[in-house]
Each structure stands twice: as C-alpha cells, then as structure tokens.
Amino acid sequence: MKLSSFLKTHAVAIAAVVFAGGVMSFKTMEKKAATSYFYNSNSTAPGAFANPNNYGTSNSGGCITNGSRPCEISVPDDSSLDDVLSGKNNTQVLNMSINRKL
C-alpha cells in the first residue's frame, strides 16, 4: 500500500528522471565524426610525415596495403591534424596511418 501511494505521489518526478536518463543515454552514444587527411607528398625525409602541410583532404594516387609513406590519417572533430601529428616521428605516423602509399 505504501509503495502504491509513493508511486502516485511522485509519478511526475519519476517520469522526469526516466525521461532525462533516456535522453542522456542517447547523448553519450553520439560518435564524433572524423576527417580524413591524405599524405600528398613524395618526401620520406625525417619529420616529413608529421608535417601538416604535406596532407590534404583529397586522395591523390590512391592507397595500398604496404609502402614507404602513409596514406590516410583520421582526425576526430574535436582535434586537429596538427594535434594528431605533433611530436611524432615518421615511424609513429606510419604506424597510425590507414594504409600506405608507394
């Protein structure tokens, strides 16, 4: 009897909490979109792979599964290409890249 009385008395508050929880669960499930940047330089010099000026948003030359240059770097919307590449050497950038270029 007490439970029924409690539910009737607080029905609006319970509904608001359930609704807010449902809305928040969708908000946390949102995925951030990413931007793809493609390596558009022929340089394999030290530090060249971490230079944001060597990347563009269009892929010239296509990607392959192995090679000596990175092909694509995926950058989350809450970051920048410079943030992702900063302080990395060629090997680190190559390891984080998606596919390679000859």
N, C-alpha and C. Protein backbone atom coordinates (compact mmCIF):
# COMPACT_ATOMS: atom_id res chain seq x y z
N MET A 1 0.81 -1.18 0.00
CA MET A 1 0.00 0.00 0.00
C MET A 1 0.87 1.26 0.00
N LYS A 2 1.94 1.24 0.78
CA LYS A 2 2.80 2.41 0.85
C LYS A 2 3.50 2.65 -0.50
N LEU A 3 3.89 1.57 -1.18
CA LEU A 3 4.55 1.70 -2.48
C LEU A 3 3.61 2.33 -3.50
N SER A 4 2.38 1.88 -3.52
CA SER A 4 1.39 2.44 -4.44
C SER A 4 1.17 3.92 -4.16
N SER A 5 1.06 4.28 -2.92
CA SER A 5 0.87 5.68 -2.53
C SER A 5 2.09 6.52 -2.93
N PHE A 6 3.29 5.98 -2.72
CA PHE A 6 4.53 6.68 -3.08
C PHE A 6 4.58 6.90 -4.59
N LEU A 7 4.28 5.88 -5.38
CA LEU A 7 4.31 6.00 -6.84
C LEU A 7 3.31 7.03 -7.34
N LYS A 8 2.12 7.04 -6.77
CA LYS A 8 1.11 8.02 -7.19
C LYS A 8 1.55 9.44 -6.84
N THR A 9 2.15 9.61 -5.69
CA THR A 9 2.56 10.93 -5.23
C THR A 9 3.72 11.48 -6.05
N HIS A 10 4.62 10.61 -6.45
CA HIS A 10 5.85 11.04 -7.12
C HIS A 10 5.91 10.64 -8.60
N ALA A 11 4.78 10.39 -9.20
CA ALA A 11 4.74 9.90 -10.58
C ALA A 11 5.40 10.87 -11.56
N VAL A 12 5.15 12.16 -11.41
CA VAL A 12 5.73 13.15 -12.33
C VAL A 12 7.25 13.19 -12.18
N ALA A 13 7.74 13.15 -10.95
CA ALA A 13 9.19 13.18 -10.72
C ALA A 13 9.85 11.92 -11.28
N ILE A 14 9.22 10.78 -11.09
CA ILE A 14 9.77 9.51 -11.61
C ILE A 14 9.81 9.56 -13.13
N ALA A 15 8.74 10.05 -13.75
CA ALA A 15 8.70 10.15 -15.22
C ALA A 15 9.79 11.09 -15.73
N ALA A 16 10.02 12.20 -15.02
CA ALA A 16 11.06 13.15 -15.43
C ALA A 16 12.45 12.52 -15.34
N VAL A 17 12.71 11.77 -14.30
CA VAL A 17 14.01 11.11 -14.15
C VAL A 17 14.21 10.07 -15.25
N VAL A 18 13.20 9.28 -15.52
CA VAL A 18 13.30 8.27 -16.59
C VAL A 18 13.52 8.94 -17.95
N PHE A 19 12.79 10.01 -18.23
CA PHE A 19 12.94 10.72 -19.49
C PHE A 19 14.34 11.31 -19.62
N ALA A 20 14.83 11.96 -18.56
CA ALA A 20 16.16 12.58 -18.59
C ALA A 20 17.24 11.51 -18.79
N GLY A 21 17.09 10.38 -18.12
CA GLY A 21 18.05 9.29 -18.30
C GLY A 21 18.07 8.78 -19.73
N GLY A 22 16.90 8.67 -20.32
CA GLY A 22 16.82 8.23 -21.71
C GLY A 22 17.46 9.19 -22.68
N VAL A 23 17.22 10.47 -22.47
CA VAL A 23 17.81 11.50 -23.33
C VAL A 23 19.33 11.50 -23.19
N MET A 24 19.82 11.43 -21.96
CA MET A 24 21.26 11.45 -21.73
C MET A 24 21.95 10.21 -22.30
N SER A 25 21.29 9.07 -22.31
CA SER A 25 21.92 7.88 -22.85
C SER A 25 22.14 8.02 -24.36
N PHE A 26 21.24 8.71 -25.06
CA PHE A 26 21.45 8.94 -26.48
C PHE A 26 22.58 9.94 -26.70
N LYS A 27 22.70 10.92 -25.83
CA LYS A 27 23.74 11.93 -25.95
C LYS A 27 25.11 11.29 -25.80
N THR A 28 25.29 10.37 -24.88
CA THR A 28 26.60 9.74 -24.69
C THR A 28 26.91 8.75 -25.80
N MET A 29 25.90 8.31 -26.52
CA MET A 29 26.14 7.35 -27.59
C MET A 29 26.55 8.04 -28.90
N GLU A 30 26.44 9.37 -28.96
CA GLU A 30 26.84 10.09 -30.17
C GLU A 30 28.31 9.84 -30.47
N LYS A 31 28.61 9.58 -31.70
CA LYS A 31 30.00 9.43 -32.11
C LYS A 31 30.45 10.69 -32.79
N LYS A 32 31.65 11.07 -32.49
CA LYS A 32 32.24 12.23 -33.16
C LYS A 32 32.65 11.81 -34.56
N ALA A 33 32.33 12.63 -35.52
CA ALA A 33 32.76 12.38 -36.88
C ALA A 33 34.25 12.66 -36.99
N ALA A 34 34.89 12.05 -37.94
CA ALA A 34 36.32 12.26 -38.16
C ALA A 34 36.54 12.80 -39.56
N THR A 35 37.64 13.50 -39.72
CA THR A 35 38.05 14.00 -41.03
C THR A 35 39.26 13.19 -41.48
N SER A 36 39.27 12.77 -42.72
CA SER A 36 40.40 12.04 -43.27
C SER A 36 41.33 13.00 -44.01
N TYR A 37 42.61 12.87 -43.70
CA TYR A 37 43.64 13.64 -44.38
C TYR A 37 44.56 12.66 -45.10
N PHE A 38 44.95 13.00 -46.32
CA PHE A 38 45.77 12.12 -47.14
C PHE A 38 47.14 12.74 -47.37
N TYR A 39 48.16 11.90 -47.27
CA TYR A 39 49.53 12.35 -47.48
C TYR A 39 49.73 12.61 -48.96
N ASN A 40 50.06 13.85 -49.33
CA ASN A 40 50.16 14.24 -50.73
C ASN A 40 51.57 14.67 -51.11
N SER A 41 52.57 14.14 -50.42
CA SER A 41 53.96 14.49 -50.71
C SER A 41 54.72 13.23 -51.09
N ASN A 42 55.80 13.40 -51.81
CA ASN A 42 56.67 12.28 -52.14
C ASN A 42 57.81 12.13 -51.13
N SER A 43 57.93 13.07 -50.21
CA SER A 43 59.04 13.09 -49.27
C SER A 43 58.94 11.99 -48.22
N THR A 44 60.07 11.36 -47.98
CA THR A 44 60.20 10.40 -46.88
C THR A 44 61.30 10.87 -45.91
N ALA A 45 61.66 12.15 -46.00
CA ALA A 45 62.70 12.73 -45.14
C ALA A 45 62.23 12.68 -43.68
N PRO A 46 63.16 12.64 -42.73
CA PRO A 46 62.78 12.65 -41.32
C PRO A 46 61.87 13.83 -40.99
N GLY A 47 60.75 13.55 -40.33
CA GLY A 47 59.80 14.59 -39.95
C GLY A 47 58.77 14.94 -41.01
N ALA A 48 58.94 14.47 -42.22
CA ALA A 48 58.03 14.83 -43.31
C ALA A 48 56.61 14.31 -43.07
N PHE A 49 56.49 13.12 -42.48
CA PHE A 49 55.17 12.54 -42.27
C PHE A 49 54.38 13.29 -41.19
N ALA A 50 55.06 14.02 -40.32
CA ALA A 50 54.40 14.76 -39.25
C ALA A 50 54.17 16.23 -39.61
N ASN A 51 54.45 16.60 -40.85
CA ASN A 51 54.25 17.97 -41.30
C ASN A 51 52.84 18.11 -41.88
N PRO A 52 51.96 18.86 -41.21
CA PRO A 52 50.59 19.00 -41.69
C PRO A 52 50.49 19.59 -43.10
N ASN A 53 51.51 20.33 -43.55
CA ASN A 53 51.49 20.90 -44.90
C ASN A 53 51.58 19.84 -45.99
N ASN A 54 51.97 18.62 -45.62
CA ASN A 54 52.08 17.52 -46.59
C ASN A 54 50.79 16.74 -46.75
N TYR A 55 49.71 17.21 -46.13
CA TYR A 55 48.43 16.50 -46.16
C TYR A 55 47.34 17.36 -46.78
N GLY A 56 46.35 16.71 -47.36
CA GLY A 56 45.19 17.38 -47.91
C GLY A 56 43.97 16.50 -47.70
N THR A 57 42.79 17.03 -47.99
CA THR A 57 41.57 16.26 -47.80
C THR A 57 41.18 15.44 -49.03
N SER A 58 41.95 15.55 -50.11
CA SER A 58 41.67 14.71 -51.28
C SER A 58 42.81 13.72 -51.46
N ASN A 59 42.46 12.53 -51.90
CA ASN A 59 43.43 11.46 -52.05
C ASN A 59 43.95 11.42 -53.48
N SER A 60 45.19 11.83 -53.66
CA SER A 60 45.79 11.76 -54.99
C SER A 60 46.72 10.55 -55.03
N GLY A 61 46.43 9.63 -55.89
CA GLY A 61 47.30 8.47 -56.06
C GLY A 61 46.80 7.19 -55.43
N GLY A 62 45.77 7.24 -54.61
CA GLY A 62 45.20 6.04 -54.04
C GLY A 62 46.04 5.46 -52.91
N CYS A 63 45.48 4.47 -52.24
CA CYS A 63 46.13 3.81 -51.12
C CYS A 63 46.40 2.35 -51.46
N ILE A 64 47.42 1.80 -50.82
CA ILE A 64 47.74 0.38 -50.94
C ILE A 64 47.93 -0.18 -49.53
N THR A 65 48.15 -1.47 -49.42
CA THR A 65 48.26 -2.07 -48.09
C THR A 65 49.65 -1.95 -47.49
N ASN A 66 50.68 -1.76 -48.31
CA ASN A 66 52.02 -1.56 -47.76
C ASN A 66 52.80 -0.62 -48.66
N GLY A 67 53.74 0.09 -48.08
CA GLY A 67 54.53 1.05 -48.81
C GLY A 67 55.35 1.87 -47.85
N SER A 68 56.08 2.84 -48.37
CA SER A 68 57.01 3.59 -47.53
C SER A 68 56.44 4.91 -47.00
N ARG A 69 55.22 5.28 -47.41
CA ARG A 69 54.62 6.55 -46.98
C ARG A 69 53.23 6.29 -46.42
N PRO A 70 52.77 7.13 -45.50
CA PRO A 70 51.40 6.98 -45.00
C PRO A 70 50.41 7.36 -46.10
N CYS A 71 49.21 6.85 -46.02
CA CYS A 71 48.19 7.25 -46.98
C CYS A 71 47.16 8.16 -46.33
N GLU A 72 46.50 7.68 -45.28
CA GLU A 72 45.40 8.41 -44.69
C GLU A 72 45.56 8.49 -43.17
N ILE A 73 45.24 9.65 -42.62
CA ILE A 73 45.22 9.86 -41.18
C ILE A 73 43.80 10.32 -40.83
N SER A 74 43.18 9.66 -39.88
CA SER A 74 41.84 10.02 -39.43
C SER A 74 41.96 10.92 -38.20
N VAL A 75 41.32 12.10 -38.28
CA VAL A 75 41.40 13.08 -37.20
C VAL A 75 39.99 13.34 -36.65
N PRO A 76 39.77 13.06 -35.35
CA PRO A 76 38.45 13.32 -34.76
C PRO A 76 38.10 14.80 -34.84
N ASP A 77 36.81 15.11 -34.87
CA ASP A 77 36.34 16.50 -34.98
C ASP A 77 36.79 17.37 -33.82
N ASP A 78 37.04 16.78 -32.66
CA ASP A 78 37.45 17.58 -31.52
C ASP A 78 38.96 17.77 -31.45
N SER A 79 39.64 17.49 -32.56
CA SER A 79 41.09 17.62 -32.64
C SER A 79 41.46 18.23 -33.98
N SER A 80 42.77 18.46 -34.18
CA SER A 80 43.23 18.96 -35.47
C SER A 80 44.34 18.05 -35.98
N LEU A 81 44.65 18.17 -37.26
CA LEU A 81 45.73 17.37 -37.84
C LEU A 81 47.04 17.68 -37.14
N ASP A 82 47.27 18.94 -36.85
CA ASP A 82 48.49 19.34 -36.15
C ASP A 82 48.58 18.67 -34.77
N ASP A 83 47.45 18.62 -34.05
CA ASP A 83 47.43 17.96 -32.73
C ASP A 83 47.77 16.48 -32.85
N VAL A 84 47.22 15.83 -33.85
CA VAL A 84 47.42 14.39 -34.02
C VAL A 84 48.87 14.07 -34.41
N LEU A 85 49.47 14.91 -35.24
CA LEU A 85 50.82 14.65 -35.75
C LEU A 85 51.94 15.21 -34.86
N SER A 86 51.61 16.16 -34.02
CA SER A 86 52.61 16.88 -33.23
C SER A 86 53.50 15.94 -32.41
N GLY A 87 54.82 16.13 -32.56
CA GLY A 87 55.80 15.40 -31.78
C GLY A 87 56.06 13.98 -32.23
N LYS A 88 55.47 13.57 -33.32
CA LYS A 88 55.65 12.19 -33.80
C LYS A 88 56.74 12.12 -34.86
N ASN A 89 57.43 10.99 -34.91
CA ASN A 89 58.42 10.77 -35.96
C ASN A 89 57.76 10.00 -37.10
N ASN A 90 58.50 9.79 -38.18
CA ASN A 90 57.93 9.13 -39.36
C ASN A 90 57.38 7.74 -39.03
N THR A 91 58.09 6.98 -38.22
CA THR A 91 57.64 5.61 -37.89
C THR A 91 56.33 5.65 -37.14
N GLN A 92 56.19 6.57 -36.19
CA GLN A 92 54.95 6.66 -35.42
C GLN A 92 53.77 7.06 -36.30
N VAL A 93 53.99 8.00 -37.20
CA VAL A 93 52.92 8.42 -38.11
C VAL A 93 52.56 7.28 -39.05
N LEU A 94 53.55 6.58 -39.55
CA LEU A 94 53.30 5.46 -40.45
C LEU A 94 52.50 4.37 -39.75
N ASN A 95 52.79 4.12 -38.47
CA ASN A 95 52.07 3.11 -37.71
C ASN A 95 50.61 3.49 -37.43
N MET A 96 50.33 4.79 -37.31
CA MET A 96 48.96 5.21 -37.04
C MET A 96 48.14 5.48 -38.31
N SER A 97 48.81 5.43 -39.46
CA SER A 97 48.11 5.75 -40.71
C SER A 97 47.23 4.57 -41.15
N ILE A 98 46.26 4.92 -41.97
CA ILE A 98 45.39 3.93 -42.58
C ILE A 98 45.94 3.65 -43.97
N ASN A 99 46.42 2.45 -44.18
CA ASN A 99 47.04 2.04 -45.44
C ASN A 99 48.31 2.84 -45.72
N ARG A 100 48.90 2.60 -46.87
CA ARG A 100 50.18 3.22 -47.23
C ARG A 100 50.17 3.66 -48.68
N LYS A 101 51.24 4.37 -49.05
CA LYS A 101 51.48 4.76 -50.43
C LYS A 101 52.91 4.35 -50.80
N LEU A 102 53.11 4.06 -52.08
CA LEU A 102 54.46 3.72 -52.53
C LEU A 102 55.40 4.90 -52.40
